[in-house]
Amino acid sequence: MIAIEDATYRYGPGDEPAVRDVSVSVAPGEMVGIVGPNGSGKSTLSRLMKGLIVPEAGRVTVDGRDTRDDALGVRRLVGLVFQNPDSQIVNSVVEDEVAFGPENLGLPASEIRRRVDQALDTVGLRGRERAESHAQSMADKQRIALAAVLAMEPRYLILDEPTAWMEPAKRTHLLERIREWQQETGGGLVVVTHRMDEARACDRLYGMLHGRVDVEGFPDRVLGDAEVRRRLALDVPEAYALAESLRAAGLPVQPGQSVDVLAEELCPS
């Protein structure tokens, strides 16, 4: 389990804390979303979980390993994909980038090949192994960066705005493949997102505001609360907006349902 306990972190002396007294947990097999406006502390939480930074107060542990004492061990357990793939890609050829991490682990060539093929297949880039990494679109660079992290076979995967550069149809497909990866491996998944369709797919949500956890709960409770959405500057998912309009018109539908479920409630087969 990833456990952040009463963590506080600031980037420089005299700065306001980027996160303050924050407690967050992520269990294996769980998909947790982190939402909130820009500057609320979401990305700082990701870096704390990865062990890239350590809290000035409180503690962060991953499967019992404290990031202060075993940062390298934590980083092997936790994979992090940044929002900007250009800050993560270091090799000029796609398959070299994906193989870079496993090679540094000293794995046999056959195992490296298996991991590269499997990771590229998961993100939909099989057949483009010899393509030029930096010549790809930003959307495909995100896929390359994700494949490189998946090839490390992390126990936990953190995605910071993982589909920021993708078209809606491609976003949906990629998230489905990531969810399949999670279900197959039993790993923990953290999605930092502004997209409410992505947040709605999570098992639990943490809403961040001014460096603190402002709200925690199931997606339907968090996203279905108009005051919470206003406070956290969250967009209204289309299904929620439709349900609210239907309820305002006096129709007997429940909030927080998908469009398909709303249709079934209105016109049962």
C-alpha atoms as a PDB file:
ATOM      1  CA  MET A   1       0.000   0.000   0.000  1.00  0.00           C
ATOM      2  CA  ILE A   2       1.050   3.592  -0.655  1.00  0.00           C
ATOM      3  CA  ALA A   3       0.459   5.540   2.544  1.00  0.00           C
ATOM      4  CA  ILE A   4       0.980   9.278   2.903  1.00  0.00           C
ATOM      5  CA  GLU A   5       0.562  10.258   6.540  1.00  0.00           C
ATOM      6  CA  ASP A   6       0.228  13.916   7.590  1.00  0.00           C
ATOM      7  CA  ALA A   7       2.771  14.950   4.955  1.00  0.00           C
ATOM      8  CA  THR A   8       3.911  18.539   4.455  1.00  0.00           C
ATOM      9  CA  TYR A   9       6.269  19.669   1.707  1.00  0.00           C
ATOM     10  CA  ARG A  10       7.502  23.032   0.433  1.00  0.00           C
ATOM     11  CA  TYR A  11       9.801  23.580  -2.529  1.00  0.00           C
ATOM     12  CA  GLY A  12      11.949  26.290  -0.992  1.00  0.00           C
ATOM     13  CA  PRO A  13      12.651  27.981   2.345  1.00  0.00           C
ATOM     14  CA  GLY A  14       9.960  30.516   3.093  1.00  0.00           C
ATOM     15  CA  ASP A  15       7.609  29.127   0.440  1.00  0.00           C
ATOM     16  CA  GLU A  16       4.054  28.249   1.281  1.00  0.00           C
ATOM     17  CA  PRO A  17       3.692  24.471   1.583  1.00  0.00           C
ATOM     18  CA  ALA A  18       2.731  22.822  -1.705  1.00  0.00           C
ATOM     19  CA  VAL A  19       0.983  20.211   0.435  1.00  0.00           C
ATOM     20  CA  ARG A  20       0.168  20.514   4.122  1.00  0.00           C
ATOM     21  CA  ASP A  21      -0.856  17.767   6.580  1.00  0.00           C
ATOM     22  CA  VAL A  22      -2.019  15.495   3.751  1.00  0.00           C
ATOM     23  CA  SER A  23      -2.986  11.860   4.286  1.00  0.00           C
ATOM     24  CA  VAL A  24      -3.710   9.655   1.258  1.00  0.00           C
ATOM     25  CA  SER A  25      -3.698   5.898   0.700  1.00  0.00           C
ATOM     26  CA  VAL A  26      -3.690   3.658  -2.368  1.00  0.00           C
ATOM     27  CA  ALA A  27      -4.165  -0.095  -2.038  1.00  0.00           C
ATOM     28  CA  PRO A  28      -3.060  -2.730  -4.559  1.00  0.00           C
ATOM     29  CA  GLY A  29      -5.839  -3.321  -7.075  1.00  0.00           C
ATOM     30  CA  GLU A  30      -7.391   0.080  -6.401  1.00  0.00           C
ATOM     31  CA  MET A  31      -7.796   2.968  -8.853  1.00  0.00           C
ATOM     32  CA  VAL A  32      -7.599   6.301  -7.053  1.00  0.00           C
ATOM     33  CA  GLY A  33      -8.195   9.677  -8.672  1.00  0.00           C
ATOM     34  CA  ILE A  34      -6.697  12.986  -7.557  1.00  0.00           C
ATOM     35  CA  VAL A  35      -8.578  16.052  -8.745  1.00  0.00           C
ATOM     36  CA  GLY A  36      -8.511  19.770  -8.073  1.00  0.00           C
ATOM     37  CA  PRO A  37      -7.527  23.098  -9.628  1.00  0.00           C
ATOM     38  CA  ASN A  38      -4.028  23.999 -10.824  1.00  0.00           C
ATOM     39  CA  GLY A  39      -1.660  24.619  -7.939  1.00  0.00           C
ATOM     40  CA  SER A  40      -3.675  22.539  -5.490  1.00  0.00           C
ATOM     41  CA  GLY A  41      -0.860  20.049  -4.793  1.00  0.00           C
ATOM     42  CA  LYS A  42      -1.813  17.156  -7.086  1.00  0.00           C
ATOM     43  CA  SER A  43       1.536  16.788  -8.841  1.00  0.00           C
ATOM     44  CA  THR A  44       3.431  17.241  -5.583  1.00  0.00           C
ATOM     45  CA  LEU A  45       1.521  14.276  -4.183  1.00  0.00           C
ATOM     46  CA  SER A  46       2.626  12.223  -7.200  1.00  0.00           C
ATOM     47  CA  ARG A  47       6.272  13.053  -6.578  1.00  0.00           C
ATOM     48  CA  LEU A  48       5.945  12.217  -2.895  1.00  0.00           C
ATOM     49  CA  MET A  49       4.464   8.816  -3.756  1.00  0.00           C
ATOM     50  CA  LYS A  50       7.292   8.113  -6.199  1.00  0.00           C
ATOM     51  CA  GLY A  51       9.951   9.104  -3.678  1.00  0.00           C
ATOM     52  CA  LEU A  52      11.335  11.879  -5.891  1.00  0.00           C
ATOM     53  CA  ILE A  53      10.865  14.253  -2.964  1.00  0.00           C
ATOM     54  CA  VAL A  54      10.506  13.516   0.739  1.00  0.00           C
ATOM     55  CA  PRO A  55       8.190  15.333   3.151  1.00  0.00           C
ATOM     56  CA  GLU A  56       9.571  17.822   5.664  1.00  0.00           C
ATOM     57  CA  ALA A  57       6.942  16.534   8.094  1.00  0.00           C
ATOM     58  CA  GLY A  58       4.934  13.326   8.169  1.00  0.00           C
ATOM     59  CA  ARG A  59       5.938  10.226   6.242  1.00  0.00           C
ATOM     60  CA  VAL A  60       5.404   8.378   2.987  1.00  0.00           C
ATOM     61  CA  THR A  61       5.655   4.599   2.808  1.00  0.00           C
ATOM     62  CA  VAL A  62       5.194   2.144  -0.061  1.00  0.00           C
ATOM     63  CA  ASP A  63       4.617  -1.451   0.992  1.00  0.00           C
ATOM     64  CA  GLY A  64       6.267  -0.569   4.288  1.00  0.00           C
ATOM     65  CA  ARG A  65       9.313   1.146   2.752  1.00  0.00           C
ATOM     66  CA  ASP A  66       9.828   4.710   3.971  1.00  0.00           C
ATOM     67  CA  THR A  67      10.858   7.087   1.186  1.00  0.00           C
ATOM     68  CA  ARG A  68      13.388   8.707   3.530  1.00  0.00           C
ATOM     69  CA  ASP A  69      15.181   5.419   4.146  1.00  0.00           C
ATOM     70  CA  ASP A  70      14.740   3.478   0.898  1.00  0.00           C
ATOM     71  CA  ALA A  71      14.042   5.888  -1.939  1.00  0.00           C
ATOM     72  CA  LEU A  72      15.547   3.534  -4.548  1.00  0.00           C
ATOM     73  CA  GLY A  73      13.382   0.634  -3.395  1.00  0.00           C
ATOM     74  CA  VAL A  74      10.286   2.828  -3.535  1.00  0.00           C
ATOM     75  CA  ARG A  75      11.113   4.066  -7.029  1.00  0.00           C
ATOM     76  CA  ARG A  76      11.324   0.486  -8.263  1.00  0.00           C
ATOM     77  CA  LEU A  77       7.849  -0.190  -6.892  1.00  0.00           C
ATOM     78  CA  VAL A  78       6.227   3.010  -8.184  1.00  0.00           C
ATOM     79  CA  GLY A  79       6.059   4.107 -11.815  1.00  0.00           C
ATOM     80  CA  LEU A  80       5.277   7.743 -12.627  1.00  0.00           C
ATOM     81  CA  VAL A  81       4.286   9.132 -16.022  1.00  0.00           C
ATOM     82  CA  PHE A  82       4.591  12.912 -16.211  1.00  0.00           C
ATOM     83  CA  GLN A  83       2.118  15.169 -17.980  1.00  0.00           C
ATOM     84  CA  ASN A  84       4.771  16.405 -20.422  1.00  0.00           C
ATOM     85  CA  PRO A  85       6.386  13.398 -22.144  1.00  0.00           C
ATOM     86  CA  ASP A  86       9.262  15.521 -23.470  1.00  0.00           C
ATOM     87  CA  SER A  87      10.544  15.731 -19.889  1.00  0.00           C
ATOM     88  CA  GLN A  88      10.679  11.933 -19.654  1.00  0.00           C
ATOM     89  CA  ILE A  89      11.844  10.550 -23.031  1.00  0.00           C
ATOM     90  CA  VAL A  90      15.642  10.275 -23.335  1.00  0.00           C
ATOM     91  CA  ASN A  91      16.215   7.848 -26.239  1.00  0.00           C
ATOM     92  CA  SER A  92      15.802   8.653 -29.922  1.00  0.00           C
ATOM     93  CA  VAL A  93      14.253   5.299 -30.928  1.00  0.00           C
ATOM     94  CA  VAL A  94      10.958   4.077 -29.480  1.00  0.00           C
ATOM     95  CA  GLU A  95      12.001   0.546 -28.518  1.00  0.00           C
ATOM     96  CA  ASP A  96      15.292   1.819 -27.060  1.00  0.00           C
ATOM     97  CA  GLU A  97      13.324   4.159 -24.823  1.00  0.00           C
ATOM     98  CA  VAL A  98      11.033   1.377 -23.627  1.00  0.00           C
ATOM     99  CA  ALA A  99      13.977  -0.997 -23.093  1.00  0.00           C
ATOM    100  CA  PHE A 100      16.078   1.566 -21.227  1.00  0.00           C
ATOM    101  CA  GLY A 101      14.743   0.817 -17.736  1.00  0.00           C
ATOM    102  CA  PRO A 102      14.765  -3.004 -17.968  1.00  0.00           C
ATOM    103  CA  GLU A 103      18.307  -2.888 -19.393  1.00  0.00           C
ATOM    104  CA  ASN A 104      19.442  -0.888 -16.379  1.00  0.00           C
ATOM    105  CA  LEU A 105      18.013  -3.637 -14.168  1.00  0.00           C
ATOM    106  CA  GLY A 106      20.400  -6.087 -15.841  1.00  0.00           C
ATOM    107  CA  LEU A 107      17.625  -8.350 -17.115  1.00  0.00           C
ATOM    108  CA  PRO A 108      18.281 -11.035 -19.757  1.00  0.00           C
ATOM    109  CA  ALA A 109      17.751  -9.984 -23.376  1.00  0.00           C
ATOM    110  CA  SER A 110      14.774 -12.325 -23.771  1.00  0.00           C
ATOM    111  CA  GLU A 111      13.037 -10.784 -20.748  1.00  0.00           C
ATOM    112  CA  ILE A 112      13.722  -7.269 -21.994  1.00  0.00           C
ATOM    113  CA  ARG A 113      12.233  -8.193 -25.381  1.00  0.00           C
ATOM    114  CA  ARG A 114       9.139  -9.636 -23.716  1.00  0.00           C
ATOM    115  CA  ARG A 115       8.621  -6.514 -21.610  1.00  0.00           C
ATOM    116  CA  VAL A 116       9.137  -4.136 -24.535  1.00  0.00           C
ATOM    117  CA  ASP A 117       6.686  -6.018 -26.763  1.00  0.00           C
ATOM    118  CA  GLN A 118       4.084  -6.288 -24.028  1.00  0.00           C
ATOM    119  CA  ALA A 119       4.343  -2.605 -23.065  1.00  0.00           C
ATOM    120  CA  LEU A 120       4.113  -1.403 -26.666  1.00  0.00           C
ATOM    121  CA  ASP A 121       1.139  -3.658 -27.250  1.00  0.00           C
ATOM    122  CA  THR A 122      -0.626  -2.242 -24.182  1.00  0.00           C
ATOM    123  CA  VAL A 123      -0.288   1.350 -25.393  1.00  0.00           C
ATOM    124  CA  GLY A 124      -1.008   0.520 -29.056  1.00  0.00           C
ATOM    125  CA  LEU A 125       2.450   1.149 -30.526  1.00  0.00           C
ATOM    126  CA  ARG A 126       3.444  -2.326 -31.718  1.00  0.00           C
ATOM    127  CA  GLY A 127       4.949  -2.065 -35.194  1.00  0.00           C
ATOM    128  CA  ARG A 128       6.567   1.304 -34.482  1.00  0.00           C
ATOM    129  CA  GLU A 129       9.535   0.008 -32.525  1.00  0.00           C
ATOM    130  CA  ARG A 130      12.135   1.707 -34.777  1.00  0.00           C
ATOM    131  CA  ALA A 131      10.293   5.024 -35.088  1.00  0.00           C
ATOM    132  CA  GLU A 132      11.972   8.253 -34.011  1.00  0.00           C
ATOM    133  CA  SER A 133      10.722   9.065 -30.510  1.00  0.00           C
ATOM    134  CA  HIS A 134      10.942  12.836 -30.700  1.00  0.00           C
ATOM    135  CA  ALA A 135       9.333  12.961 -34.159  1.00  0.00           C
ATOM    136  CA  GLN A 136       6.067  11.551 -32.824  1.00  0.00           C
ATOM    137  CA  SER A 137       2.984  13.560 -31.939  1.00  0.00           C
ATOM    138  CA  MET A 138       2.581  14.625 -28.318  1.00  0.00           C
ATOM    139  CA  ALA A 139      -0.176  12.033 -27.943  1.00  0.00           C
ATOM    140  CA  ASP A 140       2.136   9.248 -29.123  1.00  0.00           C
ATOM    141  CA  LYS A 141       4.964  10.573 -26.966  1.00  0.00           C
ATOM    142  CA  GLN A 142       2.638  10.106 -24.010  1.00  0.00           C
ATOM    143  CA  ARG A 143       2.168   6.509 -25.113  1.00  0.00           C
ATOM    144  CA  ILE A 144       5.929   6.003 -25.388  1.00  0.00           C
ATOM    145  CA  ALA A 145       6.512   7.417 -21.910  1.00  0.00           C
ATOM    146  CA  LEU A 146       3.774   5.180 -20.505  1.00  0.00           C
ATOM    147  CA  ALA A 147       5.204   2.103 -22.240  1.00  0.00           C
ATOM    148  CA  ALA A 148       8.639   2.848 -20.789  1.00  0.00           C
ATOM    149  CA  VAL A 149       7.180   2.892 -17.278  1.00  0.00           C
ATOM    150  CA  LEU A 150       5.047  -0.222 -17.839  1.00  0.00           C
ATOM    151  CA  ALA A 151       8.134  -2.118 -19.008  1.00  0.00           C
ATOM    152  CA  MET A 152       9.550  -1.677 -15.501  1.00  0.00           C
ATOM    153  CA  GLU A 153       6.549  -3.674 -14.208  1.00  0.00           C
ATOM    154  CA  PRO A 154       5.813  -1.377 -11.259  1.00  0.00           C
ATOM    155  CA  ARG A 155       3.626  -2.424  -8.361  1.00  0.00           C
ATOM    156  CA  TYR A 156       1.946   0.991  -8.473  1.00  0.00           C
ATOM    157  CA  LEU A 157       1.399   3.261 -11.470  1.00  0.00           C
ATOM    158  CA  ILE A 158       0.858   7.023 -11.189  1.00  0.00           C
ATOM    159  CA  LEU A 159      -0.419   8.879 -14.243  1.00  0.00           C
ATOM    160  CA  ASP A 160      -0.239  12.685 -14.168  1.00  0.00           C
ATOM    161  CA  GLU A 161      -2.782  13.901 -16.756  1.00  0.00           C
ATOM    162  CA  PRO A 162      -2.088  10.786 -18.868  1.00  0.00           C
ATOM    163  CA  THR A 163      -4.306  11.707 -21.824  1.00  0.00           C
ATOM    164  CA  ALA A 164      -3.807  15.473 -21.936  1.00  0.00           C
ATOM    165  CA  TRP A 165      -2.781  15.412 -25.603  1.00  0.00           C
ATOM    166  CA  MET A 166      -5.172  12.745 -26.861  1.00  0.00           C
ATOM    167  CA  GLU A 167      -8.428  12.810 -28.763  1.00  0.00           C
ATOM    168  CA  PRO A 168     -11.501  11.541 -26.843  1.00  0.00           C
ATOM    169  CA  ALA A 169     -11.767   8.175 -28.626  1.00  0.00           C
ATOM    170  CA  LYS A 170      -8.067   7.435 -28.123  1.00  0.00           C
ATOM    171  CA  ARG A 171      -8.267   8.531 -24.478  1.00  0.00           C
ATOM    172  CA  THR A 172     -11.034   6.058 -23.780  1.00  0.00           C
ATOM    173  CA  HIS A 173      -9.213   3.183 -25.470  1.00  0.00           C
ATOM    174  CA  LEU A 174      -5.932   3.842 -23.670  1.00  0.00           C
ATOM    175  CA  LEU A 175      -7.608   4.078 -20.265  1.00  0.00           C
ATOM    176  CA  GLU A 176      -9.358   0.778 -20.939  1.00  0.00           C
ATOM    177  CA  ARG A 177      -5.989  -0.844 -21.681  1.00  0.00           C
ATOM    178  CA  ILE A 178      -4.473   0.630 -18.516  1.00  0.00           C
ATOM    179  CA  ARG A 179      -7.401  -0.659 -16.491  1.00  0.00           C
ATOM    180  CA  GLU A 180      -6.850  -4.098 -18.048  1.00  0.00           C
ATOM    181  CA  TRP A 181      -3.172  -3.903 -17.047  1.00  0.00           C
ATOM    182  CA  GLN A 182      -4.222  -3.125 -13.491  1.00  0.00           C
ATOM    183  CA  GLN A 183      -6.693  -5.977 -13.316  1.00  0.00           C
ATOM    184  CA  GLU A 184      -4.161  -8.443 -14.740  1.00  0.00           C
ATOM    185  CA  THR A 185      -1.341  -7.402 -12.400  1.00  0.00           C
ATOM    186  CA  GLY A 186      -3.308  -6.459  -9.287  1.00  0.00           C
ATOM    187  CA  GLY A 187      -1.352  -3.213  -9.128  1.00  0.00           C
ATOM    188  CA  GLY A 188      -2.441   0.084  -7.639  1.00  0.00           C
ATOM    189  CA  LEU A 189      -3.309   2.912 -10.014  1.00  0.00           C
ATOM    190  CA  VAL A 190      -3.354   6.662  -9.343  1.00  0.00           C
ATOM    191  CA  VAL A 191      -4.782   9.054 -11.948  1.00  0.00           C
ATOM    192  CA  VAL A 192      -4.167  12.783 -11.553  1.00  0.00           C
ATOM    193  CA  THR A 193      -6.693  14.382 -13.857  1.00  0.00           C
ATOM    194  CA  HIS A 194      -8.810  17.361 -14.791  1.00  0.00           C
ATOM    195  CA  ARG A 195     -11.094  15.151 -16.879  1.00  0.00           C
ATOM    196  CA  MET A 196     -14.211  14.144 -15.035  1.00  0.00           C
ATOM    197  CA  ASP A 197     -14.861  11.136 -17.257  1.00  0.00           C
ATOM    198  CA  GLU A 198     -11.514   9.787 -16.054  1.00  0.00           C
ATOM    199  CA  ALA A 199     -12.279  10.698 -12.450  1.00  0.00           C
ATOM    200  CA  ARG A 200     -15.633   8.963 -12.639  1.00  0.00           C
ATOM    201  CA  ALA A 201     -13.938   5.675 -13.578  1.00  0.00           C
ATOM    202  CA  CYS A 202     -11.938   5.626 -10.323  1.00  0.00           C
ATOM    203  CA  ASP A 203     -12.794   3.653  -7.203  1.00  0.00           C
ATOM    204  CA  ARG A 204     -12.156   6.642  -4.913  1.00  0.00           C
ATOM    205  CA  LEU A 205     -11.331  10.316  -5.332  1.00  0.00           C
ATOM    206  CA  TYR A 206      -9.283  12.817  -3.380  1.00  0.00           C
ATOM    207  CA  GLY A 207     -10.126  16.458  -4.076  1.00  0.00           C
ATOM    208  CA  MET A 208      -7.185  18.801  -3.431  1.00  0.00           C
ATOM    209  CA  LEU A 209      -7.459  22.502  -2.618  1.00  0.00           C
ATOM    210  CA  HIS A 210      -4.703  24.840  -1.420  1.00  0.00           C
ATOM    211  CA  GLY A 211      -2.404  21.933  -0.661  1.00  0.00           C
ATOM    212  CA  ARG A 212      -4.875  20.023   1.489  1.00  0.00           C
ATOM    213  CA  VAL A 213      -7.322  17.184   0.958  1.00  0.00           C
ATOM    214  CA  ASP A 214     -10.600  19.066   0.711  1.00  0.00           C
ATOM    215  CA  VAL A 215     -12.842  16.069   0.059  1.00  0.00           C
ATOM    216  CA  GLU A 216     -12.535  12.301  -0.218  1.00  0.00           C
ATOM    217  CA  GLY A 217     -15.075   9.740  -1.309  1.00  0.00           C
ATOM    218  CA  PHE A 218     -16.663   7.701  -4.043  1.00  0.00           C
ATOM    219  CA  PRO A 219     -16.823   9.477  -7.424  1.00  0.00           C
ATOM    220  CA  ASP A 220     -20.619   9.739  -7.425  1.00  0.00           C
ATOM    221  CA  ARG A 221     -20.572  11.543  -4.081  1.00  0.00           C
ATOM    222  CA  VAL A 222     -17.716  13.905  -4.956  1.00  0.00           C
ATOM    223  CA  LEU A 223     -18.731  14.679  -8.539  1.00  0.00           C
ATOM    224  CA  GLY A 224     -22.430  14.721  -7.754  1.00  0.00           C
ATOM    225  CA  ASP A 225     -22.074  17.561  -5.237  1.00  0.00           C
ATOM    226  CA  ALA A 226     -22.479  20.894  -7.021  1.00  0.00           C
ATOM    227  CA  GLU A 227     -20.799  22.817  -4.192  1.00  0.00           C
ATOM    228  CA  VAL A 228     -17.765  20.523  -4.268  1.00  0.00           C
ATOM    229  CA  ARG A 229     -17.523  20.881  -8.040  1.00  0.00           C
ATOM    230  CA  ARG A 230     -17.633  24.671  -7.702  1.00  0.00           C
ATOM    231  CA  ARG A 231     -15.051  24.731  -4.918  1.00  0.00           C
ATOM    232  CA  LEU A 232     -12.629  22.495  -6.777  1.00  0.00           C
ATOM    233  CA  ALA A 233     -13.314  24.079 -10.186  1.00  0.00           C
ATOM    234  CA  LEU A 234     -14.381  20.728 -11.617  1.00  0.00           C
ATOM    235  CA  ASP A 235     -16.155  20.370 -14.914  1.00  0.00           C
ATOM    236  CA  VAL A 236     -19.566  18.737 -14.828  1.00  0.00           C
ATOM    237  CA  PRO A 237     -19.553  15.326 -16.541  1.00  0.00           C
ATOM    238  CA  GLU A 238     -22.112  15.181 -19.304  1.00  0.00           C
ATOM    239  CA  ALA A 239     -24.059  12.402 -17.569  1.00  0.00           C
ATOM    240  CA  TYR A 240     -24.339  14.449 -14.367  1.00  0.00           C
ATOM    241  CA  ALA A 241     -25.458  17.555 -16.240  1.00  0.00           C
ATOM    242  CA  LEU A 242     -28.053  15.531 -18.128  1.00  0.00           C
ATOM    243  CA  ALA A 243     -29.328  13.860 -14.939  1.00  0.00           C
ATOM    244  CA  GLU A 244     -29.642  17.212 -13.166  1.00  0.00           C
ATOM    245  CA  SER A 245     -31.610  18.661 -16.079  1.00  0.00           C
ATOM    246  CA  LEU A 246     -33.921  15.649 -16.143  1.00  0.00           C
ATOM    247  CA  ARG A 247     -34.478  15.784 -12.373  1.00  0.00           C
ATOM    248  CA  ALA A 248     -35.168  19.525 -12.587  1.00  0.00           C
ATOM    249  CA  ALA A 249     -37.822  18.694 -15.180  1.00  0.00           C
ATOM    250  CA  GLY A 250     -39.437  16.282 -12.728  1.00  0.00           C
ATOM    251  CA  LEU A 251     -38.295  13.025 -14.300  1.00  0.00           C
ATOM    252  CA  PRO A 252     -37.491  10.146 -11.905  1.00  0.00           C
ATOM    253  CA  VAL A 253     -33.809   9.524 -12.600  1.00  0.00           C
ATOM    254  CA  GLN A 254     -30.951   9.037 -10.165  1.00  0.00           C
ATOM    255  CA  PRO A 255     -27.873  11.307 -10.210  1.00  0.00           C
ATOM    256  CA  GLY A 256     -24.439   9.944 -11.054  1.00  0.00           C
ATOM    257  CA  GLN A 257     -25.560   7.400 -13.651  1.00  0.00           C
ATOM    258  CA  SER A 258     -24.149   6.859 -17.111  1.00  0.00           C
ATOM    259  CA  VAL A 259     -26.118   8.006 -20.154  1.00  0.00           C
ATOM    260  CA  ASP A 260     -26.997   4.365 -20.928  1.00  0.00           C
ATOM    261  CA  VAL A 261     -28.397   3.850 -17.423  1.00  0.00           C
ATOM    262  CA  LEU A 262     -30.376   7.111 -17.628  1.00  0.00           C
ATOM    263  CA  ALA A 263     -31.871   5.947 -20.919  1.00  0.00           C
ATOM    264  CA  GLU A 264     -32.851   2.627 -19.375  1.00  0.00           C
ATOM    265  CA  GLU A 265     -34.475   4.378 -16.386  1.00  0.00           C
ATOM    266  CA  LEU A 266     -36.537   6.571 -18.706  1.00  0.00           C
ATOM    267  CA  CYS A 267     -37.367   3.875 -21.256  1.00  0.00           C
ATOM    268  CA  PRO A 268     -37.084   0.459 -19.604  1.00  0.00           C
ATOM    269  CA  SER A 269     -36.891  -2.397 -22.080  1.00  0.00           C
END
